[in-house]
PDB file of N, CA and C in Angstrom:
ATOM      1  N   UNK A   1       0.853  -1.181   0.000  1.00  0.00           N
ATOM      2  CA  UNK A   1       0.000   0.000   0.000  1.00  0.00           C
ATOM      3  C   UNK A   1       0.895   1.239   0.000  1.00  0.00           C
ATOM      4  N   UNK A   2       0.574   2.189  -0.850  1.00  0.00           N
ATOM      5  CA  UNK A   2       1.397   3.382  -0.945  1.00  0.00           C
ATOM      6  C   UNK A   2       0.826   4.495  -0.087  1.00  0.00           C
ATOM      7  N   UNK A   3       1.696   5.271   0.516  1.00  0.00           N
ATOM      8  CA  UNK A   3       1.283   6.473   1.239  1.00  0.00           C
ATOM      9  C   UNK A   3       1.480   7.636   0.279  1.00  0.00           C
ATOM     10  N   UNK A   4       0.428   8.414   0.070  1.00  0.00           N
ATOM     11  CA  UNK A   4       0.457   9.423  -0.990  1.00  0.00           C
ATOM     12  C   UNK A   4       0.150  10.796  -0.425  1.00  0.00           C
ATOM     13  N   UNK A   5       0.743  11.832  -1.028  1.00  0.00           N
ATOM     14  CA  UNK A   5       0.575  13.172  -0.485  1.00  0.00           C
ATOM     15  C   UNK A   5      -0.682  13.871  -0.989  1.00  0.00           C
ATOM     16  N   UNK A   6      -1.169  13.497  -2.173  1.00  0.00           N
ATOM     17  CA  UNK A   6      -2.380  14.164  -2.648  1.00  0.00           C
ATOM     18  C   UNK A   6      -3.416  13.149  -3.087  1.00  0.00           C
ATOM     19  N   UNK A   7      -4.678  13.444  -2.771  1.00  0.00           N
ATOM     20  CA  UNK A   7      -5.766  12.523  -3.102  1.00  0.00           C
ATOM     21  C   UNK A   7      -6.211  12.695  -4.537  1.00  0.00           C
ATOM     22  N   UNK A   8      -6.053  13.900  -5.044  1.00  0.00           N
ATOM     23  CA  UNK A   8      -6.561  14.203  -6.380  1.00  0.00           C
ATOM     24  C   UNK A   8      -6.025  13.219  -7.411  1.00  0.00           C
ATOM     25  N   UNK A   9      -4.744  12.905  -7.310  1.00  0.00           N
ATOM     26  CA  UNK A   9      -4.138  11.976  -8.279  1.00  0.00           C
ATOM     27  C   UNK A   9      -4.698  10.574  -8.134  1.00  0.00           C
ATOM     28  N   UNK A  10      -5.151  10.244  -6.909  1.00  0.00           N
ATOM     29  CA  UNK A  10      -5.638   8.885  -6.685  1.00  0.00           C
ATOM     30  C   UNK A  10      -7.032   8.691  -7.257  1.00  0.00           C
ATOM     31  N   UNK A  11      -7.855   9.734  -7.166  1.00  0.00           N
ATOM     32  CA  UNK A  11      -9.219   9.605  -7.675  1.00  0.00           C
ATOM     33  C   UNK A  11      -9.223   9.352  -9.175  1.00  0.00           C
ATOM     34  N   UNK A  12      -8.257   9.946  -9.868  1.00  0.00           N
ATOM     35  CA  UNK A  12      -8.247   9.865 -11.331  1.00  0.00           C
ATOM     36  C   UNK A  12      -7.533   8.619 -11.833  1.00  0.00           C
ATOM     37  N   UNK A  13      -7.088   7.781 -10.908  1.00  0.00           N
ATOM     38  CA  UNK A  13      -6.279   6.651 -11.324  1.00  0.00           C
ATOM     39  C   UNK A  13      -7.045   5.599 -12.110  1.00  0.00           C
ATOM     40  N   UNK A  14      -8.275   5.323 -11.691  1.00  0.00           N
ATOM     41  CA  UNK A  14      -9.000   4.175 -12.242  1.00  0.00           C
ATOM     42  C   UNK A  14     -10.478   4.423 -11.988  1.00  0.00           C
ATOM     43  N   UNK A  15     -11.353   3.999 -12.893  1.00  0.00           N
ATOM     44  CA  UNK A  15     -12.793   4.255 -12.692  1.00  0.00           C
ATOM     45  C   UNK A  15     -13.363   3.589 -11.447  1.00  0.00           C
ATOM     46  N   UNK A  16     -12.755   2.499 -10.973  1.00  0.00           N
ATOM     47  CA  UNK A  16     -13.324   1.776  -9.835  1.00  0.00           C
ATOM     48  C   UNK A  16     -12.748   2.191  -8.490  1.00  0.00           C
ATOM     49  N   UNK A  17     -11.899   3.213  -8.474  1.00  0.00           N
ATOM     50  CA  UNK A  17     -11.293   3.623  -7.211  1.00  0.00           C
ATOM     51  C   UNK A  17     -12.320   4.301  -6.318  1.00  0.00           C
ATOM     52  N   UNK A  18     -12.340   3.896  -5.035  1.00  0.00           N
ATOM     53  CA  UNK A  18     -13.209   4.553  -4.064  1.00  0.00           C
ATOM     54  C   UNK A  18     -12.336   5.195  -3.005  1.00  0.00           C
ATOM     55  N   UNK A  19     -12.683   6.425  -2.609  1.00  0.00           N
ATOM     56  CA  UNK A  19     -11.961   7.106  -1.554  1.00  0.00           C
ATOM     57  C   UNK A  19     -12.773   6.974  -0.274  1.00  0.00           C
ATOM     58  N   UNK A  20     -12.155   6.423   0.773  1.00  0.00           N
ATOM     59  CA  UNK A  20     -12.864   6.097   2.001  1.00  0.00           C
ATOM     60  C   UNK A  20     -12.118   6.694   3.188  1.00  0.00           C
ATOM     61  N   UNK A  21     -12.870   7.230   4.175  1.00  0.00           N
ATOM     62  CA  UNK A  21     -12.235   7.727   5.395  1.00  0.00           C
ATOM     63  C   UNK A  21     -12.406   6.715   6.506  1.00  0.00           C
ATOM     64  N   UNK A  22     -11.306   6.317   7.116  1.00  0.00           N
ATOM     65  CA  UNK A  22     -11.353   5.413   8.264  1.00  0.00           C
ATOM     66  C   UNK A  22     -10.378   5.884   9.312  1.00  0.00           C
ATOM     67  N   UNK A  23     -10.877   6.084  10.533  1.00  0.00           N
ATOM     68  CA  UNK A  23     -10.037   6.481  11.677  1.00  0.00           C
ATOM     69  C   UNK A  23      -9.157   7.677  11.355  1.00  0.00           C
ATOM     70  N   UNK A  24      -9.744   8.663  10.659  1.00  0.00           N
ATOM     71  CA  UNK A  24      -8.994   9.890  10.367  1.00  0.00           C
ATOM     72  C   UNK A  24      -8.008   9.772   9.225  1.00  0.00           C
ATOM     73  N   UNK A  25      -7.904   8.608   8.638  1.00  0.00           N
ATOM     74  CA  UNK A  25      -7.036   8.452   7.482  1.00  0.00           C
ATOM     75  C   UNK A  25      -7.886   8.314   6.245  1.00  0.00           C
ATOM     76  N   UNK A  26      -7.312   8.641   5.108  1.00  0.00           N
ATOM     77  CA  UNK A  26      -8.041   8.521   3.853  1.00  0.00           C
ATOM     78  C   UNK A  26      -7.425   7.384   3.060  1.00  0.00           C
ATOM     79  N   UNK A  27      -8.264   6.439   2.683  1.00  0.00           N
ATOM     80  CA  UNK A  27      -7.800   5.264   1.951  1.00  0.00           C
ATOM     81  C   UNK A  27      -8.411   5.252   0.563  1.00  0.00           C
ATOM     82  N   UNK A  28      -7.689   4.657  -0.367  1.00  0.00           N
ATOM     83  CA  UNK A  28      -8.233   4.411  -1.686  1.00  0.00           C
ATOM     84  C   UNK A  28      -8.301   2.906  -1.866  1.00  0.00           C
ATOM     85  N   UNK A  29      -9.496   2.405  -2.181  1.00  0.00           N
ATOM     86  CA  UNK A  29      -9.668   0.966  -2.379  1.00  0.00           C
ATOM     87  C   UNK A  29     -10.107   0.729  -3.809  1.00  0.00           C
ATOM     88  N   UNK A  30      -9.695  -0.403  -4.326  1.00  0.00           N
ATOM     89  CA  UNK A  30     -10.132  -0.789  -5.653  1.00  0.00           C
ATOM     90  C   UNK A  30     -10.305  -2.299  -5.663  1.00  0.00           C
ATOM     91  N   UNK A  31     -11.555  -2.747  -5.800  1.00  0.00           N
ATOM     92  CA  UNK A  31     -11.812  -4.190  -5.733  1.00  0.00           C
ATOM     93  C   UNK A  31     -11.284  -4.904  -6.969  1.00  0.00           C
ATOM     94  N   UNK A  32     -11.423  -4.276  -8.146  1.00  0.00           N
ATOM     95  CA  UNK A  32     -11.038  -4.973  -9.363  1.00  0.00           C
ATOM     96  C   UNK A  32      -9.530  -5.014  -9.534  1.00  0.00           C
ATOM     97  N   UNK A  33      -8.826  -3.976  -9.054  1.00  0.00           N
ATOM     98  CA  UNK A  33      -7.379  -3.935  -9.240  1.00  0.00           C
ATOM     99  C   UNK A  33      -6.716  -3.503  -7.936  1.00  0.00           C
ATOM    100  N   UNK A  34      -6.423  -4.451  -7.047  1.00  0.00           N
ATOM    101  CA  UNK A  34      -5.957  -4.113  -5.698  1.00  0.00           C
ATOM    102  C   UNK A  34      -4.618  -3.391  -5.668  1.00  0.00           C
ATOM    103  N   UNK A  35      -3.918  -3.309  -6.773  1.00  0.00           N
ATOM    104  CA  UNK A  35      -2.627  -2.648  -6.689  1.00  0.00           C
ATOM    105  C   UNK A  35      -2.769  -1.132  -6.558  1.00  0.00           C
ATOM    106  N   UNK A  36      -3.986  -0.604  -6.697  1.00  0.00           N
ATOM    107  CA  UNK A  36      -4.194   0.834  -6.549  1.00  0.00           C
ATOM    108  C   UNK A  36      -4.471   1.234  -5.109  1.00  0.00           C
ATOM    109  N   UNK A  37      -4.355   0.296  -4.165  1.00  0.00           N
ATOM    110  CA  UNK A  37      -4.612   0.646  -2.766  1.00  0.00           C
ATOM    111  C   UNK A  37      -3.639   1.721  -2.314  1.00  0.00           C
ATOM    112  N   UNK A  38      -4.158   2.717  -1.582  1.00  0.00           N
ATOM    113  CA  UNK A  38      -3.279   3.771  -1.094  1.00  0.00           C
ATOM    114  C   UNK A  38      -3.868   4.387   0.173  1.00  0.00           C
ATOM    115  N   UNK A  39      -3.002   5.160   0.876  1.00  0.00           N
ATOM    116  CA  UNK A  39      -3.423   5.748   2.135  1.00  0.00           C
ATOM    117  C   UNK A  39      -2.866   7.154   2.229  1.00  0.00           C
ATOM    118  N   UNK A  40      -3.608   8.028   2.889  1.00  0.00           N
ATOM    119  CA  UNK A  40      -3.092   9.361   3.163  1.00  0.00           C
ATOM    120  C   UNK A  40      -3.313   9.696   4.615  1.00  0.00           C
ATOM    121  N   UNK A  41      -2.276  10.244   5.277  1.00  0.00           N
ATOM    122  CA  UNK A  41      -2.430  10.681   6.670  1.00  0.00           C
ATOM    123  C   UNK A  41      -2.055   9.606   7.661  1.00  0.00           C
TER     124      UNK A  41
END
């Protein structure tokens, strides 16, 4: 999982990417292509 400084680039990565907030952190999940997983904060 990559730690990333900006969310904007993550949203545009793939049509199936979802941005989710958990415990004050922002995660990007992708069910179809798990290699796009990322975290911010």
